C-alpha atoms as a PDB file:
ATOM      1  CA  MET A   1      66.488-164.774 -79.824  1.00  0.00           C
ATOM      2  CA  ILE A   2      68.677-162.895 -77.486  1.00  0.00           C
ATOM      3  CA  ARG A   3      70.024-166.045 -75.625  1.00  0.00           C
ATOM      4  CA  ALA A   4      70.915-167.329 -79.368  1.00  0.00           C
ATOM      5  CA  VAL A   5      72.409-164.190 -80.305  1.00  0.00           C
ATOM      6  CA  LYS A   6      74.787-164.046 -77.151  1.00  0.00           C
ATOM      7  CA  LEU A   7      75.667-167.479 -77.644  1.00  0.00           C
ATOM      8  CA  LEU A   8      76.759-167.220 -81.384  1.00  0.00           C
ATOM      9  CA  SER A   9      78.920-163.963 -80.370  1.00  0.00           C
ATOM     10  CA  LYS A  10      81.206-166.356 -78.267  1.00  0.00           C
ATOM     11  CA  LEU A  11      81.514-168.419 -81.525  1.00  0.00           C
ATOM     12  CA  GLN A  12      84.033-166.595 -83.863  1.00  0.00           C
ATOM     13  CA  GLY A  13      87.342-166.513 -85.392  1.00  0.00           C
ATOM     14  CA  THR A  14      88.913-170.205 -85.592  1.00  0.00           C
ATOM     15  CA  VAL A  15      87.107-172.990 -83.675  1.00  0.00           C
ATOM     16  CA  LEU A  16      90.664-174.246 -82.709  1.00  0.00           C
ATOM     17  CA  LYS A  17      90.833-171.706 -80.494  1.00  0.00           C
ATOM     18  CA  GLN A  18      87.702-172.134 -78.346  1.00  0.00           C
ATOM     19  CA  ALA A  19      85.263-173.062 -81.248  1.00  0.00           C
ATOM     20  CA  ALA A  20      85.547-169.315 -82.241  1.00  0.00           C
ATOM     21  CA  ALA A  21      85.283-169.985 -85.911  1.00  0.00           C
ATOM     22  CA  PHE A  22      81.470-170.840 -86.097  1.00  0.00           C
ATOM     23  CA  LEU A  23      80.765-167.080 -85.875  1.00  0.00           C
ATOM     24  CA  THR A  24      83.379-165.852 -88.331  1.00  0.00           C
ATOM     25  CA  LEU A  25      81.679-167.972 -90.578  1.00  0.00           C
ATOM     26  CA  LEU A  26      78.172-166.733 -89.597  1.00  0.00           C
ATOM     27  CA  PHE A  27      79.510-163.400 -90.047  1.00  0.00           C
ATOM     28  CA  PHE A  28      80.327-164.162 -93.787  1.00  0.00           C
ATOM     29  CA  LEU A  29      76.852-163.557 -95.117  1.00  0.00           C
ATOM     30  CA  ASN A  30      75.644-161.510 -98.158  1.00  0.00           C
ATOM     31  CA  VAL A  31      78.210-159.943-100.268  1.00  0.00           C
ATOM     32  CA  ASN A  32      78.718-156.407 -99.562  1.00  0.00           C
ATOM     33  CA  THR A  33      81.182-154.439-101.361  1.00  0.00           C
ATOM     34  CA  CYS A  34      80.102-150.855-101.666  1.00  0.00           C
ATOM     35  CA  ALA A  35      82.087-147.199-100.624  1.00  0.00           C
ATOM     36  CA  VAL A  36      85.624-148.574-101.993  1.00  0.00           C
ATOM     37  CA  ASN A  37      87.375-146.253-104.079  1.00  0.00           C
ATOM     38  CA  THR A  38      89.747-147.815-106.743  1.00  0.00           C
ATOM     39  CA  VAL A  39      93.083-146.918-105.332  1.00  0.00           C
ATOM     40  CA  LYS A  40      95.852-146.602-108.245  1.00  0.00           C
ATOM     41  CA  LYS A  41      98.669-146.275-105.860  1.00  0.00           C
ATOM     42  CA  LYS A  42     101.278-148.826-106.912  1.00  0.00           C
ATOM     43  CA  ASP A  43     102.766-149.524-103.416  1.00  0.00           C
ATOM     44  CA  GLN A  44      99.251-150.273-101.669  1.00  0.00           C
ATOM     45  CA  ARG A  45      99.313-150.699 -97.821  1.00  0.00           C
ATOM     46  CA  LEU A  46      96.498-152.938 -96.769  1.00  0.00           C
ATOM     47  CA  VAL A  47      94.870-153.776 -93.428  1.00  0.00           C
ATOM     48  CA  SER A  48      92.503-156.773 -92.808  1.00  0.00           C
ATOM     49  CA  ILE A  49      90.320-157.072 -90.102  1.00  0.00           C
ATOM     50  CA  ALA A  50      88.531-160.257 -91.396  1.00  0.00           C
ATOM     51  CA  PRO A  51      90.716-163.392 -91.290  1.00  0.00           C
ATOM     52  CA  THR A  52      89.362-165.018 -94.153  1.00  0.00           C
ATOM     53  CA  VAL A  53      90.076-161.756 -96.236  1.00  0.00           C
ATOM     54  CA  THR A  54      93.598-162.086 -94.895  1.00  0.00           C
ATOM     55  CA  GLU A  55      93.837-165.538 -96.351  1.00  0.00           C
ATOM     56  CA  ILE A  56      92.594-164.386 -99.524  1.00  0.00           C
ATOM     57  CA  LEU A  57      95.064-161.737 -99.542  1.00  0.00           C
ATOM     58  CA  PHE A  58      98.038-164.063 -99.095  1.00  0.00           C
ATOM     59  CA  ALA A  59      96.628-166.266-101.733  1.00  0.00           C
ATOM     60  CA  LEU A  60      97.077-163.344-104.063  1.00  0.00           C
ATOM     61  CA  GLY A  61     100.551-162.558-103.111  1.00  0.00           C
ATOM     62  CA  LEU A  62      99.916-159.500-101.334  1.00  0.00           C
ATOM     63  CA  ASP A  63     102.288-160.439 -98.453  1.00  0.00           C
ATOM     64  CA  GLU A  64     104.304-157.450 -98.780  1.00  0.00           C
ATOM     65  CA  LYS A  65     101.504-154.914 -99.083  1.00  0.00           C
ATOM     66  CA  ILE A  66      99.523-156.134 -95.507  1.00  0.00           C
ATOM     67  CA  VAL A  67     100.427-154.028 -92.878  1.00  0.00           C
ATOM     68  CA  GLY A  68      97.956-154.864 -90.393  1.00  0.00           C
ATOM     69  CA  VAL A  69      95.448-157.844 -89.137  1.00  0.00           C
ATOM     70  CA  THR A  70      93.761-158.731 -86.366  1.00  0.00           C
ATOM     71  CA  SER A  71      94.509-161.183 -83.731  1.00  0.00           C
ATOM     72  CA  LEU A  72      92.525-163.604 -85.075  1.00  0.00           C
ATOM     73  CA  CYS A  73      94.301-163.774 -88.261  1.00  0.00           C
ATOM     74  CA  ASP A  74      96.688-167.035 -87.839  1.00  0.00           C
ATOM     75  CA  TYR A  75      96.909-168.062 -91.641  1.00  0.00           C
ATOM     76  CA  PRO A  76      99.412-168.572 -93.362  1.00  0.00           C
ATOM     77  CA  LYS A  77     101.963-168.390 -90.807  1.00  0.00           C
ATOM     78  CA  GLU A  78     103.626-165.476 -92.189  1.00  0.00           C
ATOM     79  CA  VAL A  79     100.793-163.107 -91.044  1.00  0.00           C
ATOM     80  CA  LEU A  80     102.063-163.514 -87.560  1.00  0.00           C
ATOM     81  CA  ASN A  81     104.654-161.063 -88.579  1.00  0.00           C
ATOM     82  CA  LYS A  82     102.494-158.390 -89.392  1.00  0.00           C
ATOM     83  CA  ASP A  83     100.992-155.477 -86.852  1.00  0.00           C
ATOM     84  CA  ILE A  84      98.200-156.193 -84.875  1.00  0.00           C
ATOM     85  CA  VAL A  85      95.105-153.571 -85.045  1.00  0.00           C
ATOM     86  CA  GLY A  86      93.107-155.179 -82.369  1.00  0.00           C
ATOM     87  CA  THR A  87      90.641-158.294 -82.224  1.00  0.00           C
ATOM     88  CA  PHE A  88      88.003-159.329 -84.381  1.00  0.00           C
ATOM     89  CA  SER A  89      85.213-157.610 -82.774  1.00  0.00           C
ATOM     90  CA  HIS A  90      87.084-154.641 -81.326  1.00  0.00           C
ATOM     91  CA  PRO A  91      89.659-153.306 -84.003  1.00  0.00           C
ATOM     92  CA  ASP A  92      91.509-150.290 -82.671  1.00  0.00           C
ATOM     93  CA  THR A  93      90.571-147.459 -85.080  1.00  0.00           C
ATOM     94  CA  GLU A  94      93.597-145.493 -83.839  1.00  0.00           C
ATOM     95  CA  LYS A  95      96.045-148.321 -84.685  1.00  0.00           C
ATOM     96  CA  ILE A  96      94.502-148.558 -88.078  1.00  0.00           C
ATOM     97  CA  ILE A  97      94.965-145.110 -89.059  1.00  0.00           C
ATOM     98  CA  SER A  98      98.544-144.904 -87.780  1.00  0.00           C
ATOM     99  CA  LEU A  99      99.209-147.647 -90.511  1.00  0.00           C
ATOM    100  CA  LYS A 100      97.975-145.336 -93.147  1.00  0.00           C
ATOM    101  CA  PRO A 101      95.842-147.979 -95.182  1.00  0.00           C
ATOM    102  CA  ASP A 102      94.606-147.345 -98.760  1.00  0.00           C
ATOM    103  CA  ILE A 103      92.250-150.253 -98.169  1.00  0.00           C
ATOM    104  CA  ILE A 104      90.834-151.803 -95.279  1.00  0.00           C
ATOM    105  CA  PHE A 105      89.381-155.048 -95.681  1.00  0.00           C
ATOM    106  CA  ALA A 106      86.411-156.185 -93.554  1.00  0.00           C
ATOM    107  CA  THR A 107      83.165-158.589 -93.217  1.00  0.00           C
ATOM    108  CA  ASP A 108      79.644-157.476 -91.999  1.00  0.00           C
ATOM    109  CA  LEU A 109      77.299-157.753 -89.023  1.00  0.00           C
ATOM    110  CA  GLU A 110      79.401-157.425 -85.950  1.00  0.00           C
ATOM    111  CA  GLN A 111      82.047-155.080 -87.955  1.00  0.00           C
ATOM    112  CA  ASP A 112      79.468-152.776 -89.066  1.00  0.00           C
ATOM    113  CA  VAL A 113      79.942-150.409 -86.341  1.00  0.00           C
ATOM    114  CA  ILE A 114      83.943-150.258 -87.124  1.00  0.00           C
ATOM    115  CA  VAL A 115      82.964-150.150 -90.885  1.00  0.00           C
ATOM    116  CA  GLU A 116      80.885-147.427 -90.904  1.00  0.00           C
ATOM    117  CA  ARG A 117      83.231-145.291 -88.180  1.00  0.00           C
ATOM    118  CA  LEU A 118      86.028-146.238 -90.641  1.00  0.00           C
ATOM    119  CA  ARG A 119      84.175-144.605 -93.491  1.00  0.00           C
ATOM    120  CA  LYS A 120      82.989-141.397 -91.844  1.00  0.00           C
ATOM    121  CA  LEU A 121      86.978-140.907 -91.586  1.00  0.00           C
ATOM    122  CA  ASN A 122      87.063-141.072 -95.436  1.00  0.00           C
ATOM    123  CA  LEU A 123      88.875-144.143 -95.503  1.00  0.00           C
ATOM    124  CA  ASN A 124      88.548-147.029 -98.250  1.00  0.00           C
ATOM    125  CA  VAL A 125      86.600-150.138 -96.915  1.00  0.00           C
ATOM    126  CA  PHE A 126      85.770-153.470 -98.809  1.00  0.00           C
ATOM    127  CA  VAL A 127      83.241-155.426 -97.102  1.00  0.00           C
ATOM    128  CA  SER A 128      83.427-159.100 -98.114  1.00  0.00           C
ATOM    129  CA  SER A 129      81.030-161.476 -97.023  1.00  0.00           C
ATOM    130  CA  PRO A 130      80.024-164.233 -99.270  1.00  0.00           C
ATOM    131  CA  GLU A 131      77.131-166.257 -98.885  1.00  0.00           C
ATOM    132  CA  ASN A 132      78.254-169.216-101.361  1.00  0.00           C
ATOM    133  CA  ILE A 133      80.988-170.524-103.313  1.00  0.00           C
ATOM    134  CA  ALA A 134      79.832-168.404-106.407  1.00  0.00           C
ATOM    135  CA  GLU A 135      79.710-165.251-104.299  1.00  0.00           C
ATOM    136  CA  LEU A 136      83.451-166.178-102.935  1.00  0.00           C
ATOM    137  CA  PHE A 137      84.916-166.552-106.287  1.00  0.00           C
ATOM    138  CA  ASP A 138      83.110-163.133-107.227  1.00  0.00           C
ATOM    139  CA  SER A 139      84.490-161.462-103.795  1.00  0.00           C
ATOM    140  CA  ILE A 140      88.357-162.750-104.997  1.00  0.00           C
ATOM    141  CA  LYS A 141      87.750-161.107-108.428  1.00  0.00           C
ATOM    142  CA  GLU A 142      86.817-157.902-106.850  1.00  0.00           C
ATOM    143  CA  ILE A 143      89.867-157.983-104.295  1.00  0.00           C
ATOM    144  CA  GLY A 144      91.800-158.970-107.229  1.00  0.00           C
ATOM    145  CA  ASP A 145      90.454-156.077-109.025  1.00  0.00           C
ATOM    146  CA  LEU A 146      91.254-153.448-106.309  1.00  0.00           C
ATOM    147  CA  THR A 147      94.776-154.576-105.356  1.00  0.00           C
ATOM    148  CA  GLY A 148      96.311-154.923-108.762  1.00  0.00           C
ATOM    149  CA  ARG A 149      96.294-158.643-108.951  1.00  0.00           C
ATOM    150  CA  LYS A 150      93.383-159.670-111.297  1.00  0.00           C
ATOM    151  CA  GLU A 151      95.824-162.501-112.916  1.00  0.00           C
ATOM    152  CA  ASN A 152      96.342-163.869-109.430  1.00  0.00           C
ATOM    153  CA  ALA A 153      92.705-163.836-108.871  1.00  0.00           C
ATOM    154  CA  SER A 154      91.595-165.521-112.278  1.00  0.00           C
ATOM    155  CA  ARG A 155      94.374-168.116-111.486  1.00  0.00           C
ATOM    156  CA  LEU A 156      93.236-168.743-107.899  1.00  0.00           C
ATOM    157  CA  ILE A 157      89.993-169.013-108.785  1.00  0.00           C
ATOM    158  CA  LYS A 158      90.700-171.292-111.784  1.00  0.00           C
ATOM    159  CA  ARG A 159      92.555-173.468-109.280  1.00  0.00           C
ATOM    160  CA  LEU A 160      89.953-173.945-107.065  1.00  0.00           C
ATOM    161  CA  GLU A 161      87.048-174.325-109.732  1.00  0.00           C
ATOM    162  CA  SER A 162      89.447-177.235-110.525  1.00  0.00           C
ATOM    163  CA  ILE A 163      89.300-178.772-107.046  1.00  0.00           C
ATOM    164  CA  VAL A 164      85.270-178.451-107.412  1.00  0.00           C
ATOM    165  CA  ASN A 165      85.310-179.972-110.871  1.00  0.00           C
ATOM    166  CA  THR A 166      87.471-183.011-109.997  1.00  0.00           C
ATOM    167  CA  VAL A 167      85.388-184.003-107.205  1.00  0.00           C
ATOM    168  CA  GLN A 168      82.307-183.364-109.114  1.00  0.00           C
ATOM    169  CA  ASP A 169      83.420-185.647-111.720  1.00  0.00           C
ATOM    170  CA  ARG A 170      83.894-188.756-108.920  1.00  0.00           C
ATOM    171  CA  VAL A 171      80.024-188.143-107.385  1.00  0.00           C
ATOM    172  CA  LYS A 172      78.094-186.526-110.126  1.00  0.00           C
ATOM    173  CA  ARG A 173      76.247-189.899-111.038  1.00  0.00           C
ATOM    174  CA  LEU A 174      75.690-191.126-107.710  1.00  0.00           C
ATOM    175  CA  SER A 175      72.046-191.577-106.819  1.00  0.00           C
ATOM    176  CA  THR A 176      70.562-189.797-103.734  1.00  0.00           C
ATOM    177  CA  ASP A 177      69.900-193.345-102.006  1.00  0.00           C
ATOM    178  CA  ILE A 178      73.587-194.469-101.836  1.00  0.00           C
ATOM    179  CA  ARG A 179      74.941-191.141-100.877  1.00  0.00           C
ATOM    180  CA  PRO A 180      76.141-191.289 -97.177  1.00  0.00           C
ATOM    181  CA  ARG A 181      73.966-189.076 -94.876  1.00  0.00           C
ATOM    182  CA  VAL A 182      76.201-186.395 -92.880  1.00  0.00           C
ATOM    183  CA  PHE A 183      76.208-184.646 -89.733  1.00  0.00           C
ATOM    184  CA  ILE A 184      78.399-182.092 -89.027  1.00  0.00           C
ATOM    185  CA  GLU A 185      78.606-180.685 -85.420  1.00  0.00           C
ATOM    186  CA  ILE A 186      79.761-177.067 -85.094  1.00  0.00           C
ATOM    187  CA  TRP A 187      79.052-176.871 -81.418  1.00  0.00           C
ATOM    188  CA  ASN A 188      78.240-179.530 -78.622  1.00  0.00           C
ATOM    189  CA  ASP A 189      76.447-177.696 -75.802  1.00  0.00           C
ATOM    190  CA  PRO A 190      74.089-176.850 -77.115  1.00  0.00           C
ATOM    191  CA  LEU A 191      74.242-178.924 -80.240  1.00  0.00           C
ATOM    192  CA  MET A 192      74.637-176.778 -83.326  1.00  0.00           C
ATOM    193  CA  THR A 193      74.944-177.543 -87.198  1.00  0.00           C
ATOM    194  CA  ALA A 194      74.774-176.273 -90.420  1.00  0.00           C
ATOM    195  CA  GLY A 195      71.763-176.062 -92.933  1.00  0.00           C
ATOM    196  CA  LYS A 196      70.357-175.098 -95.934  1.00  0.00           C
ATOM    197  CA  GLY A 197      72.509-171.652 -97.326  1.00  0.00           C
ATOM    198  CA  SER A 198      75.529-172.710 -95.173  1.00  0.00           C
ATOM    199  CA  PHE A 199      78.772-173.107 -97.007  1.00  0.00           C
ATOM    200  CA  ILE A 200      79.139-176.448 -95.075  1.00  0.00           C
ATOM    201  CA  ASP A 201      75.759-177.588 -96.582  1.00  0.00           C
ATOM    202  CA  GLU A 202      77.013-177.131-100.048  1.00  0.00           C
ATOM    203  CA  LEU A 203      80.323-178.635 -99.118  1.00  0.00           C
ATOM    204  CA  ILE A 204      78.761-181.765 -97.840  1.00  0.00           C
ATOM    205  CA  TYR A 205      76.608-181.657-101.412  1.00  0.00           C
ATOM    206  CA  LEU A 206      80.057-181.248-103.701  1.00  0.00           C
ATOM    207  CA  ALA A 207      81.640-183.884-101.754  1.00  0.00           C
ATOM    208  CA  GLY A 208      78.714-186.498-102.362  1.00  0.00           C
ATOM    209  CA  GLY A 209      77.201-186.275 -99.137  1.00  0.00           C
ATOM    210  CA  ILE A 210      73.869-185.866 -97.953  1.00  0.00           C
ATOM    211  CA  ASN A 211      73.364-183.061 -95.044  1.00  0.00           C
ATOM    212  CA  ILE A 212      71.025-184.352 -92.462  1.00  0.00           C
ATOM    213  CA  ALA A 213      70.105-180.935 -91.567  1.00  0.00           C
ATOM    214  CA  HIS A 214      69.698-179.556 -95.047  1.00  0.00           C
ATOM    215  CA  ASP A 215      66.142-178.733 -94.293  1.00  0.00           C
ATOM    216  CA  VAL A 216      66.704-176.511 -91.519  1.00  0.00           C
ATOM    217  CA  THR A 217      66.028-173.271 -93.326  1.00  0.00           C
ATOM    218  CA  ARG A 218      68.576-171.275 -91.189  1.00  0.00           C
ATOM    219  CA  PRO A 219      72.153-171.289 -92.275  1.00  0.00           C
ATOM    220  CA  TYR A 220      73.582-172.150 -88.674  1.00  0.00           C
ATOM    221  CA  SER A 221      71.093-173.109 -85.835  1.00  0.00           C
ATOM    222  CA  TYR A 222      70.546-175.426 -82.878  1.00  0.00           C
ATOM    223  CA  PHE A 223      69.953-179.011 -83.600  1.00  0.00           C
ATOM    224  CA  SER A 224      68.293-181.523 -81.181  1.00  0.00           C
ATOM    225  CA  ALA A 225      70.501-184.879 -80.414  1.00  0.00           C
ATOM    226  CA  GLU A 226      67.179-186.517 -80.958  1.00  0.00           C
ATOM    227  CA  GLN A 227      66.930-185.762 -84.588  1.00  0.00           C
ATOM    228  CA  VAL A 228      70.568-187.006 -84.976  1.00  0.00           C
ATOM    229  CA  ILE A 229      69.719-190.108 -83.516  1.00  0.00           C
ATOM    230  CA  LYS A 230      66.369-190.380 -85.776  1.00  0.00           C
ATOM    231  CA  ARG A 231      68.136-189.390 -88.934  1.00  0.00           C
ATOM    232  CA  ASN A 232      70.884-191.521 -88.167  1.00  0.00           C
ATOM    233  CA  PRO A 233      73.883-190.285 -90.342  1.00  0.00           C
ATOM    234  CA  ASP A 234      76.257-192.766 -91.754  1.00  0.00           C
ATOM    235  CA  CYS A 235      79.027-189.802 -90.824  1.00  0.00           C
ATOM    236  CA  ILE A 236      79.577-187.389 -88.271  1.00  0.00           C
ATOM    237  CA  PHE A 237      82.351-184.566 -88.319  1.00  0.00           C
ATOM    238  CA  ILE A 238      83.165-182.594 -85.254  1.00  0.00           C
ATOM    239  CA  GLY A 239      84.075-179.205 -86.259  1.00  0.00           C
ATOM    240  CA  HIS A 240      85.193-178.140 -82.460  1.00  0.00           C
ATOM    241  CA  THR A 241      87.751-178.947 -79.872  1.00  0.00           C
ATOM    242  CA  ASP A 242      85.993-179.420 -76.902  1.00  0.00           C
ATOM    243  CA  SER A 243      84.257-182.433 -78.179  1.00  0.00           C
ATOM    244  CA  ASP A 244      83.243-185.356 -75.655  1.00  0.00           C
ATOM    245  CA  PHE A 245      83.120-188.873 -77.221  1.00  0.00           C
ATOM    246  CA  VAL A 246      79.923-189.093 -79.068  1.00  0.00           C
ATOM    247  CA  ALA A 247      79.560-192.696 -78.462  1.00  0.00           C
ATOM    248  CA  ASP A 248      79.177-191.800 -74.802  1.00  0.00           C
ATOM    249  CA  ARG A 249      76.209-189.678 -75.386  1.00  0.00           C
ATOM    250  CA  ILE A 250      72.727-191.011 -74.654  1.00  0.00           C
ATOM    251  CA  GLY A 251      71.487-193.195 -77.580  1.00  0.00           C
ATOM    252  CA  TRP A 252      74.076-192.233 -79.580  1.00  0.00           C
ATOM    253  CA  ARG A 253      75.960-195.713 -79.563  1.00  0.00           C
ATOM    254  CA  ASN A 254      73.302-197.098 -82.212  1.00  0.00           C
ATOM    255  CA  ILE A 255      74.027-194.359 -84.833  1.00  0.00           C
ATOM    256  CA  SER A 256      75.253-195.855 -88.072  1.00  0.00           C
ATOM    257  CA  ALA A 257      78.355-193.488 -87.942  1.00  0.00           C
ATOM    258  CA  VAL A 258      79.328-194.322 -84.054  1.00  0.00           C
ATOM    259  CA  LYS A 259      78.625-197.984 -85.049  1.00  0.00           C
ATOM    260  CA  TYR A 260      80.928-198.297 -88.013  1.00  0.00           C
ATOM    261  CA  ASN A 261      83.449-195.809 -86.514  1.00  0.00           C
ATOM    262  CA  ARG A 262      82.981-192.982 -88.968  1.00  0.00           C
ATOM    263  CA  VAL A 263      83.054-190.197 -86.625  1.00  0.00           C
ATOM    264  CA  TYR A 264      85.753-187.700 -87.685  1.00  0.00           C
ATOM    265  CA  SER A 265      87.104-184.837 -85.371  1.00  0.00           C
ATOM    266  CA  ASP A 266      90.405-184.950 -87.385  1.00  0.00           C
ATOM    267  CA  ILE A 267      90.053-181.905 -89.904  1.00  0.00           C
ATOM    268  CA  ASP A 268      91.021-178.590 -89.345  1.00  0.00           C
ATOM    269  CA  PRO A 269      87.809-176.780 -88.441  1.00  0.00           C
ATOM    270  CA  ASP A 270      89.259-173.881 -90.544  1.00  0.00           C
ATOM    271  CA  LEU A 271      88.719-175.511 -93.470  1.00  0.00           C
ATOM    272  CA  LEU A 272      85.109-175.907 -93.182  1.00  0.00           C
ATOM    273  CA  LEU A 273      84.319-172.611 -91.292  1.00  0.00           C
ATOM    274  CA  ARG A 274      86.382-170.057 -93.246  1.00  0.00           C
ATOM    275  CA  SER A 275      85.111-169.208 -96.584  1.00  0.00           C
ATOM    276  CA  GLY A 276      88.392-168.859 -97.954  1.00  0.00           C
ATOM    277  CA  PRO A 277      90.780-170.544-100.294  1.00  0.00           C
ATOM    278  CA  ARG A 278      91.456-173.430 -97.749  1.00  0.00           C
ATOM    279  CA  LEU A 279      87.718-173.999 -97.955  1.00  0.00           C
ATOM    280  CA  PHE A 280      88.308-176.399-100.850  1.00  0.00           C
ATOM    281  CA  ASP A 281      91.018-178.030 -99.031  1.00  0.00           C
ATOM    282  CA  GLY A 282      88.004-178.873 -96.671  1.00  0.00           C
ATOM    283  CA  LEU A 283      86.155-180.083 -99.787  1.00  0.00           C
ATOM    284  CA  LEU A 284      88.512-182.821-100.306  1.00  0.00           C
ATOM    285  CA  GLU A 285      89.188-183.796 -96.608  1.00  0.00           C
ATOM    286  CA  ILE A 286      85.383-184.328 -96.511  1.00  0.00           C
ATOM    287  CA  HIS A 287      85.092-186.242 -99.791  1.00  0.00           C
ATOM    288  CA  LYS A 288      88.087-188.734 -98.658  1.00  0.00           C
ATOM    289  CA  ARG A 289      86.310-189.497 -95.507  1.00  0.00           C
ATOM    290  CA  LEU A 290      82.883-190.080 -97.338  1.00  0.00           C
ATOM    291  CA  TYR A 291      84.747-192.167-100.113  1.00  0.00           C
ATOM    292  CA  PRO A 292      87.853-193.841 -98.281  1.00  0.00           C
ATOM    293  CA  GLU A 293      89.630-195.936-101.072  1.00  0.00           C
END
């Protein structure tokens, strides 16, 4: 168990930067929004130490109010002009305080210590950790309420819901036996994937596929190569950059996805592993590959 925790601790932030996005996604579990006082101040100063929340803040039109982010906050490009308050795992408390934030946005688990420290200093901290799309919408709504962007949040949620509805209209009548079987590889050494209770599992289903790891009870866990071969996915998505060619793996050449050239490594992993607005772009990308026109 200790070995697994140490391993997962290496996989946070963005997969495009040494597969770090996996842990960021893993950390976005169990919504927790307590201990935040409503700030009525017109010119709010916002600090985000969670990349996903940073993306939500920008999507709500709060660019000018954001005064600090972490080094892992890399989208949209305008975020690169913001002050850096440290890393995701080790934000700099003194730097955060120096920016005089009205609200600090964070996630849980690895950031529990810094969240507790900031709250003991009587700072407003909002912890956003949605576990599924419904909770993500709730989190966006709450962030909109806290920042005076209720209407923006409502419009954003409606836009994202329309994407889900559009895709669902295309696939809702498809029976299970004709839906493509899907395997998403989060990491390759050791082999890791997403199971039931993960955003990825939900995306695969909404896109019209069947996650071959759906019966895995943990949202993210190890998965044996033998099981991938046995379950014979029709499509494989590679969610990291350090990927060897799967056809060269022992026994994988006969997997349907490999045999029919349906192994995809061209989707930005952040679209699949960051539980923010771009997650719905990921939904569209998965759907396009499952059902090419």
